[in-house]
N, C-alpha and C. Protein backbone atom coordinates (compact mmCIF):
# COMPACT_ATOMS: atom_id res chain seq x y z
N MET A 1 1.12 -1.33 -0.14
CA MET A 1 -0.06 0.04 0.18
C MET A 1 0.76 1.09 0.01
N THR A 2 0.48 2.03 -0.88
CA THR A 2 1.42 3.60 -0.73
C THR A 2 1.23 4.28 0.44
N GLN A 3 2.18 4.76 0.86
CA GLN A 3 2.19 5.60 2.19
C GLN A 3 2.38 6.83 1.62
N ILE A 4 1.62 7.95 2.12
CA ILE A 4 1.68 9.40 1.93
C ILE A 4 1.80 10.12 3.27
N ALA A 5 2.52 11.10 3.38
CA ALA A 5 2.65 11.65 4.46
C ALA A 5 2.33 13.19 4.02
N ILE A 6 1.64 13.73 5.04
CA ILE A 6 1.26 15.12 4.97
C ILE A 6 2.02 15.85 5.95
N ILE A 7 2.56 16.75 5.88
CA ILE A 7 3.49 17.50 7.15
C ILE A 7 3.01 19.01 6.90
N THR A 8 2.31 19.71 8.19
CA THR A 8 2.02 21.09 8.05
C THR A 8 3.21 21.70 8.56
N VAL A 9 3.73 22.62 8.44
CA VAL A 9 4.90 23.24 8.84
C VAL A 9 4.35 24.74 9.33
N SER A 10 4.12 25.07 10.59
CA SER A 10 3.62 26.23 10.91
C SER A 10 3.74 26.29 12.60
N ASP A 11 4.59 27.29 12.97
CA ASP A 11 4.71 27.46 14.50
C ASP A 11 3.41 27.70 15.18
N ARG A 12 2.44 28.43 14.72
CA ARG A 12 1.15 28.61 15.20
C ARG A 12 0.12 27.23 15.34
N ALA A 13 0.13 26.59 14.07
CA ALA A 13 -0.61 25.28 14.14
C ALA A 13 0.19 24.42 15.16
N SER A 14 1.26 24.21 15.17
CA SER A 14 1.88 23.35 15.90
C SER A 14 1.64 23.55 17.52
N ARG A 15 1.50 24.87 17.91
CA ARG A 15 1.00 25.35 19.29
C ARG A 15 -0.33 25.10 19.64
N GLY A 16 -1.03 25.06 18.38
CA GLY A 16 -2.72 25.02 18.63
C GLY A 16 -3.43 26.32 18.50
N ASP A 17 -2.33 27.39 18.38
CA ASP A 17 -3.03 28.95 18.23
C ASP A 17 -3.76 29.02 16.72
N TYR A 18 -3.50 28.15 15.99
CA TYR A 18 -4.28 28.18 14.62
C TYR A 18 -4.64 27.05 14.11
N GLU A 19 -5.72 26.87 13.31
CA GLU A 19 -6.29 25.66 12.75
C GLU A 19 -5.52 25.40 11.48
N ASP A 20 -4.90 24.03 11.43
CA ASP A 20 -4.38 23.60 10.26
C ASP A 20 -5.25 23.64 9.38
N LEU A 21 -5.16 24.49 8.12
CA LEU A 21 -5.92 24.34 7.00
C LEU A 21 -5.42 23.71 5.58
N GLY A 22 -3.87 23.95 5.71
CA GLY A 22 -3.20 23.03 4.73
C GLY A 22 -2.98 21.82 4.49
N GLY A 23 -2.81 20.70 5.55
CA GLY A 23 -2.86 19.71 5.75
C GLY A 23 -4.19 19.00 5.37
N PRO A 24 -5.13 19.32 6.02
CA PRO A 24 -6.50 18.79 5.49
C PRO A 24 -6.76 19.26 4.13
N ALA A 25 -6.38 20.05 3.74
CA ALA A 25 -6.84 20.40 2.10
C ALA A 25 -6.03 19.52 1.41
N ILE A 26 -4.92 19.13 1.44
CA ILE A 26 -4.08 18.27 0.87
C ILE A 26 -4.35 16.90 0.72
N GLU A 27 -5.32 16.63 2.15
CA GLU A 27 -5.74 14.96 1.98
C GLU A 27 -6.95 15.01 1.43
N ARG A 28 -7.69 16.04 1.35
CA ARG A 28 -8.80 16.10 0.52
C ARG A 28 -8.65 16.05 -0.81
N TRP A 29 -7.66 17.02 -1.40
CA TRP A 29 -7.20 16.49 -2.61
C TRP A 29 -6.73 15.10 -3.23
N LEU A 30 -6.15 14.69 -2.35
CA LEU A 30 -5.66 13.44 -2.79
C LEU A 30 -6.49 12.47 -2.57
N ARG A 31 -7.54 12.53 -1.92
CA ARG A 31 -8.51 11.52 -1.76
C ARG A 31 -9.46 11.93 -2.83
N ARG A 32 -9.67 12.93 -3.26
CA ARG A 32 -10.41 13.32 -4.42
C ARG A 32 -9.75 12.42 -5.94
N VAL A 33 -8.47 12.62 -5.92
CA VAL A 33 -7.73 12.50 -7.42
C VAL A 33 -7.20 10.92 -7.29
N VAL A 34 -6.55 10.68 -6.22
CA VAL A 34 -5.69 9.31 -6.41
C VAL A 34 -6.57 8.02 -5.83
N THR A 35 -6.61 7.31 -6.66
CA THR A 35 -7.59 5.99 -7.02
C THR A 35 -6.91 4.74 -6.22
N THR A 36 -5.54 4.77 -5.97
CA THR A 36 -4.82 3.78 -5.49
C THR A 36 -4.96 3.73 -3.87
N PRO A 37 -5.01 2.52 -3.20
CA PRO A 37 -5.51 2.64 -1.81
C PRO A 37 -4.05 3.13 -0.98
N CYS A 38 -4.26 3.87 -0.26
CA CYS A 38 -3.01 4.74 0.59
C CYS A 38 -3.48 4.90 1.84
N ALA A 39 -2.13 4.89 2.57
CA ALA A 39 -2.00 4.91 4.01
C ALA A 39 -1.57 6.18 4.34
N PHE A 40 -2.39 7.38 4.69
CA PHE A 40 -2.11 8.43 5.21
C PHE A 40 -1.35 8.80 6.83
N ILE A 41 -0.33 9.56 6.65
CA ILE A 41 0.28 9.80 7.80
C ILE A 41 0.40 11.48 8.02
N ARG A 42 -0.15 11.99 9.20
CA ARG A 42 -0.39 13.63 9.23
C ARG A 42 0.50 13.87 10.54
N ARG A 43 1.16 15.12 10.23
CA ARG A 43 1.95 15.54 11.05
C ARG A 43 1.90 17.16 11.26
N ILE A 44 1.97 17.84 12.38
CA ILE A 44 2.03 19.41 12.33
C ILE A 44 3.31 19.38 13.13
N ILE A 45 4.11 20.21 12.64
CA ILE A 45 5.31 20.56 13.11
C ILE A 45 5.80 22.34 13.04
N PRO A 46 6.62 22.64 14.31
CA PRO A 46 6.91 23.97 13.93
C PRO A 46 7.68 24.19 12.67
N ASP A 47 7.76 25.82 12.50
CA ASP A 47 8.85 25.80 11.61
C ASP A 47 10.09 25.79 11.89
N GLY A 48 11.24 25.87 10.93
CA GLY A 48 12.65 25.61 11.33
C GLY A 48 13.30 24.73 10.48
N LEU A 49 14.55 25.02 10.71
CA LEU A 49 15.33 24.00 9.72
C LEU A 49 15.37 22.67 10.43
N GLU A 50 15.47 22.44 11.68
CA GLU A 50 16.14 21.15 12.11
C GLU A 50 14.67 20.56 12.35
N SER A 51 13.56 20.98 12.60
CA SER A 51 12.22 20.53 12.68
C SER A 51 11.73 19.81 11.50
N VAL A 52 11.89 20.61 10.39
CA VAL A 52 11.64 20.06 8.81
C VAL A 52 12.57 18.61 8.71
N ARG A 53 13.85 19.16 8.90
CA ARG A 53 14.81 18.32 8.27
C ARG A 53 14.72 16.82 9.03
N ASP A 54 14.41 16.93 10.18
CA ASP A 54 14.33 15.84 10.99
C ASP A 54 13.19 14.89 10.84
N VAL A 55 11.94 15.56 10.69
CA VAL A 55 10.73 14.86 10.36
C VAL A 55 10.85 14.24 8.83
N LEU A 56 11.47 14.97 7.90
CA LEU A 56 11.57 14.19 6.76
C LEU A 56 12.53 13.25 6.40
N VAL A 57 13.51 13.33 7.29
CA VAL A 57 14.42 12.00 7.38
C VAL A 57 13.82 10.88 8.03
N GLU A 58 13.16 11.14 8.97
CA GLU A 58 12.50 9.97 9.74
C GLU A 58 11.44 9.34 8.86
N LEU A 59 10.82 10.04 8.04
CA LEU A 59 9.78 9.56 7.55
C LEU A 59 10.23 8.99 5.99
N CYS A 60 11.41 9.26 5.58
CA CYS A 60 12.06 8.84 4.48
C CYS A 60 13.10 7.53 4.64
N ASP A 61 13.67 7.49 5.58
CA ASP A 61 14.65 6.50 6.31
C ASP A 61 13.97 5.37 7.09
N GLN A 62 13.18 5.95 8.05
CA GLN A 62 12.36 4.95 9.00
C GLN A 62 11.32 4.52 8.48
N GLY A 63 10.49 5.44 8.04
CA GLY A 63 9.23 5.33 7.61
C GLY A 63 8.93 4.57 6.34
N GLY A 64 9.66 4.83 5.46
CA GLY A 64 9.48 4.28 4.03
C GLY A 64 8.36 4.89 3.30
N VAL A 65 8.24 6.20 3.59
CA VAL A 65 7.11 6.69 2.92
C VAL A 65 7.37 7.19 1.49
N ASP A 66 6.46 7.17 0.71
CA ASP A 66 6.24 6.93 -0.88
C ASP A 66 6.40 8.37 -1.01
N LEU A 67 5.40 8.77 -0.74
CA LEU A 67 5.07 10.60 -1.22
C LEU A 67 5.30 11.20 0.02
N ILE A 68 5.68 12.50 0.24
CA ILE A 68 5.72 13.29 1.29
C ILE A 68 5.35 14.82 0.86
N LEU A 69 4.13 15.30 1.43
CA LEU A 69 3.54 16.67 1.08
C LEU A 69 3.82 17.52 2.05
N THR A 70 4.59 18.55 1.85
CA THR A 70 4.62 19.61 3.16
C THR A 70 3.65 20.56 2.65
N THR A 71 3.28 21.40 3.69
CA THR A 71 2.50 22.56 3.47
C THR A 71 3.04 23.72 4.38
N GLY A 72 3.69 24.92 3.75
CA GLY A 72 3.98 25.96 4.95
C GLY A 72 5.49 26.07 4.66
N GLY A 73 6.03 27.21 5.02
CA GLY A 73 7.46 27.39 5.51
C GLY A 73 8.19 27.83 3.96
N THR A 74 7.55 28.18 2.94
CA THR A 74 8.25 28.40 1.88
C THR A 74 8.24 29.77 1.39
N GLY A 75 7.53 30.66 2.17
CA GLY A 75 7.89 32.24 1.93
C GLY A 75 9.37 32.79 2.30
N PRO A 76 9.42 33.91 2.33
CA PRO A 76 10.38 35.06 2.77
C PRO A 76 10.47 35.28 4.07
N SER A 77 9.78 34.90 5.16
CA SER A 77 9.83 35.08 6.30
C SER A 77 11.04 34.42 7.09
N PRO A 78 11.55 35.11 8.02
CA PRO A 78 12.65 34.34 8.80
C PRO A 78 12.49 33.05 9.02
N ARG A 79 11.34 32.72 9.50
CA ARG A 79 11.09 31.14 9.97
C ARG A 79 10.71 30.46 9.04
N ASP A 80 10.62 30.72 7.75
CA ASP A 80 10.11 29.96 6.80
C ASP A 80 11.52 29.17 6.03
N LEU A 81 11.68 28.01 6.55
CA LEU A 81 13.20 27.40 6.44
C LEU A 81 12.84 25.91 5.71
N THR A 82 11.75 25.88 5.09
CA THR A 82 11.31 24.59 4.45
C THR A 82 12.51 24.18 3.43
N PRO A 83 12.51 25.14 2.42
CA PRO A 83 13.41 24.82 1.37
C PRO A 83 15.10 24.66 1.98
N GLU A 84 15.14 25.08 2.82
CA GLU A 84 16.72 25.36 3.48
C GLU A 84 16.78 23.63 4.01
N ALA A 85 15.93 23.13 4.52
CA ALA A 85 15.74 21.90 5.21
C ALA A 85 15.52 20.92 4.05
N MET A 86 14.94 21.24 3.43
CA MET A 86 14.95 20.08 1.94
C MET A 86 16.48 20.18 1.33
N GLN A 87 17.04 21.10 1.15
CA GLN A 87 18.34 20.91 0.59
C GLN A 87 19.36 20.08 1.43
N GLN A 88 19.23 20.02 2.44
CA GLN A 88 19.94 18.95 3.32
C GLN A 88 19.36 17.55 3.55
N VAL A 89 18.29 17.22 2.93
CA VAL A 89 17.64 16.22 2.75
C VAL A 89 17.58 15.41 1.72
N ILE A 90 17.21 16.26 0.61
CA ILE A 90 17.27 15.40 -0.55
C ILE A 90 18.53 15.26 -1.35
N THR A 91 18.18 14.06 -2.19
CA THR A 91 19.75 13.70 -2.78
C THR A 91 19.69 14.14 -4.40
N LYS A 92 18.28 14.30 -5.01
CA LYS A 92 18.00 14.85 -6.05
C LYS A 92 17.05 15.96 -6.11
N GLU A 93 17.49 17.10 -6.48
CA GLU A 93 16.43 18.09 -6.72
C GLU A 93 15.63 17.99 -7.92
N LEU A 94 14.38 18.32 -8.02
CA LEU A 94 13.70 18.44 -9.21
C LEU A 94 12.87 19.58 -9.68
N PRO A 95 13.87 20.84 -10.23
CA PRO A 95 13.17 22.00 -10.02
C PRO A 95 12.10 22.30 -10.86
N GLY A 96 12.04 21.53 -12.10
CA GLY A 96 10.67 21.99 -12.83
C GLY A 96 9.64 21.94 -12.06
N PHE A 97 9.59 21.12 -10.77
CA PHE A 97 8.21 20.99 -10.22
C PHE A 97 7.79 22.40 -9.47
N GLY A 98 9.11 22.92 -9.04
CA GLY A 98 8.58 24.22 -8.35
C GLY A 98 8.52 25.34 -9.23
N GLU A 99 9.26 25.29 -10.68
CA GLU A 99 9.10 26.04 -11.46
C GLU A 99 7.58 26.10 -11.99
N LEU A 100 7.14 25.09 -12.38
CA LEU A 100 5.64 24.81 -12.91
C LEU A 100 4.75 25.41 -11.75
N MET A 101 4.92 24.97 -10.51
CA MET A 101 3.66 25.24 -9.59
C MET A 101 3.69 27.00 -9.38
N ARG A 102 4.98 27.55 -9.63
CA ARG A 102 4.83 29.18 -9.17
C ARG A 102 4.25 29.65 -10.67
N ARG A 103 4.55 29.24 -11.61
CA ARG A 103 4.04 29.82 -12.74
C ARG A 103 2.35 29.32 -12.91
N ALA A 104 2.04 28.15 -12.53
CA ALA A 104 0.68 28.09 -12.30
C ALA A 104 0.06 29.08 -11.29
N SER A 105 0.61 29.40 -10.33
CA SER A 105 0.00 29.96 -9.15
C SER A 105 0.32 31.78 -9.65
N SER A 106 0.97 31.91 -10.54
CA SER A 106 1.12 33.20 -10.75
C SER A 106 -0.03 33.88 -11.63
N ARG A 107 -0.71 32.75 -12.34
CA ARG A 107 -2.10 32.88 -12.92
C ARG A 107 -3.08 33.50 -11.98
N HIS A 108 -3.01 33.32 -10.75
CA HIS A 108 -4.13 33.58 -9.81
C HIS A 108 -3.81 34.56 -8.74
N VAL A 109 -2.36 34.75 -8.25
CA VAL A 109 -1.86 35.90 -7.61
C VAL A 109 -0.58 36.48 -7.74
N GLY A 110 -0.32 37.52 -7.76
CA GLY A 110 0.63 38.19 -8.09
C GLY A 110 2.25 38.09 -7.25
N THR A 111 1.81 37.49 -5.93
CA THR A 111 2.65 37.08 -4.94
C THR A 111 3.35 36.01 -5.02
N ALA A 112 3.09 34.99 -6.04
CA ALA A 112 3.40 33.65 -6.23
C ALA A 112 5.20 33.47 -6.45
N ILE A 113 5.67 34.56 -7.14
CA ILE A 113 7.01 34.44 -6.93
C ILE A 113 7.67 34.87 -5.70
N LEU A 114 6.90 34.95 -4.55
CA LEU A 114 7.72 35.19 -3.57
C LEU A 114 7.79 33.39 -2.78
N SER A 115 7.18 32.64 -3.54
CA SER A 115 7.36 31.13 -2.78
C SER A 115 8.40 30.52 -3.39
N ARG A 116 8.77 29.64 -2.47
CA ARG A 116 10.24 28.76 -2.75
C ARG A 116 9.96 27.27 -2.68
N GLN A 117 8.85 26.99 -3.37
CA GLN A 117 8.69 25.39 -3.37
C GLN A 117 9.88 24.62 -3.96
N THR A 118 10.10 23.50 -3.01
CA THR A 118 11.31 22.89 -3.53
C THR A 118 10.76 21.29 -3.77
N VAL A 119 11.49 20.26 -4.56
CA VAL A 119 10.84 19.20 -4.77
C VAL A 119 12.22 18.26 -5.07
N GLY A 120 11.93 17.30 -4.38
CA GLY A 120 13.40 16.25 -4.50
C GLY A 120 13.42 14.87 -3.92
N VAL A 121 14.11 14.24 -4.14
CA VAL A 121 13.86 12.82 -3.90
C VAL A 121 15.14 12.34 -2.77
N ARG A 122 14.51 11.88 -2.01
CA ARG A 122 15.48 10.90 -0.89
C ARG A 122 15.35 9.56 -1.10
N GLY A 123 16.02 8.85 -1.47
CA GLY A 123 16.10 7.11 -1.54
C GLY A 123 14.83 6.90 -2.46
N ARG A 124 13.98 6.47 -1.96
CA ARG A 124 12.55 5.90 -2.73
C ARG A 124 11.58 6.89 -2.71
N SER A 125 11.74 8.12 -1.83
CA SER A 125 10.63 9.02 -1.46
C SER A 125 10.65 10.11 -2.19
N LEU A 126 9.62 10.97 -2.70
CA LEU A 126 9.51 11.93 -3.39
C LEU A 126 8.65 13.13 -2.27
N ILE A 127 9.62 13.87 -2.18
CA ILE A 127 8.99 15.25 -1.38
C ILE A 127 8.91 16.36 -2.07
N ILE A 128 7.36 16.79 -1.97
CA ILE A 128 7.04 17.99 -2.59
C ILE A 128 6.66 19.11 -1.43
N ASN A 129 7.16 20.48 -2.04
CA ASN A 129 6.84 21.65 -0.59
C ASN A 129 5.80 22.50 -1.43
N LEU A 130 4.58 22.38 -0.90
CA LEU A 130 3.46 23.05 -1.24
C LEU A 130 3.44 24.68 -0.33
N PRO A 131 2.80 25.64 -0.79
CA PRO A 131 2.24 26.60 -0.31
C PRO A 131 1.31 26.41 1.10
N GLY A 132 1.15 27.15 1.92
CA GLY A 132 0.08 26.96 2.87
C GLY A 132 -1.38 27.32 2.88
N LYS A 133 -1.68 28.04 1.89
CA LYS A 133 -2.96 28.42 1.44
C LYS A 133 -3.63 27.29 0.55
N PRO A 134 -5.03 26.85 1.07
CA PRO A 134 -5.56 25.56 0.55
C PRO A 134 -5.83 26.05 -0.94
N ALA A 135 -6.48 27.33 -1.26
CA ALA A 135 -6.72 27.30 -2.65
C ALA A 135 -5.15 27.43 -3.52
N SER A 136 -4.19 27.68 -3.02
CA SER A 136 -2.70 27.68 -3.68
C SER A 136 -2.54 26.21 -3.61
N ILE A 137 -2.73 25.51 -2.78
CA ILE A 137 -2.60 24.27 -2.80
C ILE A 137 -2.92 23.31 -3.97
N ASP A 138 -4.32 23.64 -4.21
CA ASP A 138 -4.98 22.97 -5.22
C ASP A 138 -4.59 23.35 -6.65
N VAL A 139 -4.16 24.42 -6.70
CA VAL A 139 -3.55 25.19 -7.84
C VAL A 139 -2.15 24.29 -8.22
N CYS A 140 -1.55 24.17 -7.07
CA CYS A 140 0.07 23.79 -7.18
C CYS A 140 -0.30 22.02 -7.69
N LEU A 141 -1.03 21.41 -6.97
CA LEU A 141 -1.29 19.98 -7.19
C LEU A 141 -1.98 19.57 -8.50
N ASN A 142 -2.69 20.50 -8.82
CA ASN A 142 -3.32 20.20 -10.16
C ASN A 142 -2.17 20.47 -11.44
N SER A 143 -1.09 21.47 -10.96
CA SER A 143 -0.29 21.53 -12.21
C SER A 143 0.62 20.42 -12.22
N VAL A 144 1.32 19.76 -11.10
CA VAL A 144 2.25 19.16 -10.89
C VAL A 144 1.99 17.43 -11.11
N PHE A 145 0.80 17.29 -10.28
CA PHE A 145 0.60 15.91 -10.10
C PHE A 145 0.32 14.87 -11.39
N PRO A 146 0.17 15.31 -12.48
CA PRO A 146 0.28 14.35 -13.52
C PRO A 146 1.88 13.74 -13.68
N ALA A 147 2.75 14.46 -13.21
CA ALA A 147 4.26 13.91 -13.40
C ALA A 147 4.30 12.84 -12.14
N VAL A 148 3.60 13.02 -11.19
CA VAL A 148 4.08 12.07 -9.85
C VAL A 148 4.10 10.90 -9.83
N PRO A 149 2.89 10.14 -10.68
CA PRO A 149 2.89 8.63 -10.63
C PRO A 149 4.28 8.19 -11.20
N TYR A 150 4.72 8.88 -12.46
CA TYR A 150 6.00 8.32 -13.25
C TYR A 150 6.87 8.47 -12.62
N CYS A 151 7.11 9.86 -11.60
CA CYS A 151 8.25 9.94 -10.77
C CYS A 151 8.42 8.84 -9.83
N LEU A 152 7.47 8.54 -9.20
CA LEU A 152 7.37 7.62 -8.08
C LEU A 152 7.89 6.35 -8.90
N GLU A 153 7.49 5.76 -10.19
CA GLU A 153 7.69 4.73 -10.74
C GLU A 153 9.23 4.82 -11.03
N LEU A 154 9.99 5.55 -11.24
CA LEU A 154 11.30 5.79 -11.74
C LEU A 154 12.11 5.85 -10.25
N ILE A 155 11.69 6.14 -9.08
CA ILE A 155 12.64 5.96 -7.83
C ILE A 155 12.61 4.88 -7.26
N GLY A 156 11.36 4.05 -7.66
CA GLY A 156 11.14 2.66 -7.10
C GLY A 156 10.28 2.58 -5.90
N ALA A 157 9.37 3.84 -5.86
CA ALA A 157 8.37 3.88 -4.85
C ALA A 157 7.11 3.03 -5.35
N ALA A 158 6.16 2.97 -4.17
CA ALA A 158 4.94 2.27 -4.46
C ALA A 158 4.43 2.80 -5.62
N PRO A 159 3.48 2.25 -6.39
CA PRO A 159 2.82 2.89 -7.52
C PRO A 159 1.43 3.69 -6.78
N ILE A 160 1.31 4.79 -7.75
CA ILE A 160 -0.04 5.58 -7.12
C ILE A 160 -0.59 5.77 -8.85
N ILE A 161 -1.79 5.63 -8.70
CA ILE A 161 -2.61 5.95 -10.00
C ILE A 161 -3.78 7.04 -9.52
N ALA A 162 -3.62 8.01 -10.38
CA ALA A 162 -4.43 9.48 -10.40
C ALA A 162 -5.54 9.36 -11.25
N ASP A 163 -6.60 9.62 -11.11
CA ASP A 163 -7.63 9.80 -11.83
C ASP A 163 -7.92 11.12 -12.93
N PRO A 164 -7.33 10.93 -14.05
CA PRO A 164 -7.20 11.90 -14.96
C PRO A 164 -8.13 12.76 -15.02
N ALA A 165 -9.49 12.39 -14.90
CA ALA A 165 -10.69 13.22 -15.11
C ALA A 165 -10.83 14.23 -13.90
N MET A 166 -9.94 14.07 -12.89
CA MET A 166 -9.96 14.86 -11.78
C MET A 166 -8.89 15.69 -11.48
N LEU A 167 -7.88 15.64 -12.65
CA LEU A 167 -6.92 16.55 -12.69
C LEU A 167 -7.28 17.84 -13.11
N GLY A 168 -6.63 18.85 -12.70
CA GLY A 168 -6.95 19.94 -13.66
C GLY A 168 -7.77 20.95 -13.05
């Protein structure tokens, strides 16, 4: 069974000061689009280099998770360090994913250029950083998800099938 982890990166959500909207938005999107049986793992962690790095390494190396989607921590604020954590974790960066997500988002919001989504591979895990806003999450996933099943196949992860009628 394909294992998918959804990680919300937010100081406020991890303290319970703020309702996590991004994690549930990702899970709703995946449940609507993915037809493969999947096990979902959900985490809410604080912003920061170590917190993000450590949970990604754990999920990839010990958890054997096939696909990890993070939400939050990709902007220019001082505590937004998800891309920096990713650089310490991944063995291969896939810059086309981030470029496509920013291009798709720029059709909806002028501030899309501030987002620093990073996508990469560690072992047989694909890690995708998404923005924190639910509407932006949908736009980004719709833009890049057609490539995700093939990427998972290429890296030796568990297969995933997306309903093409639900993409876009």
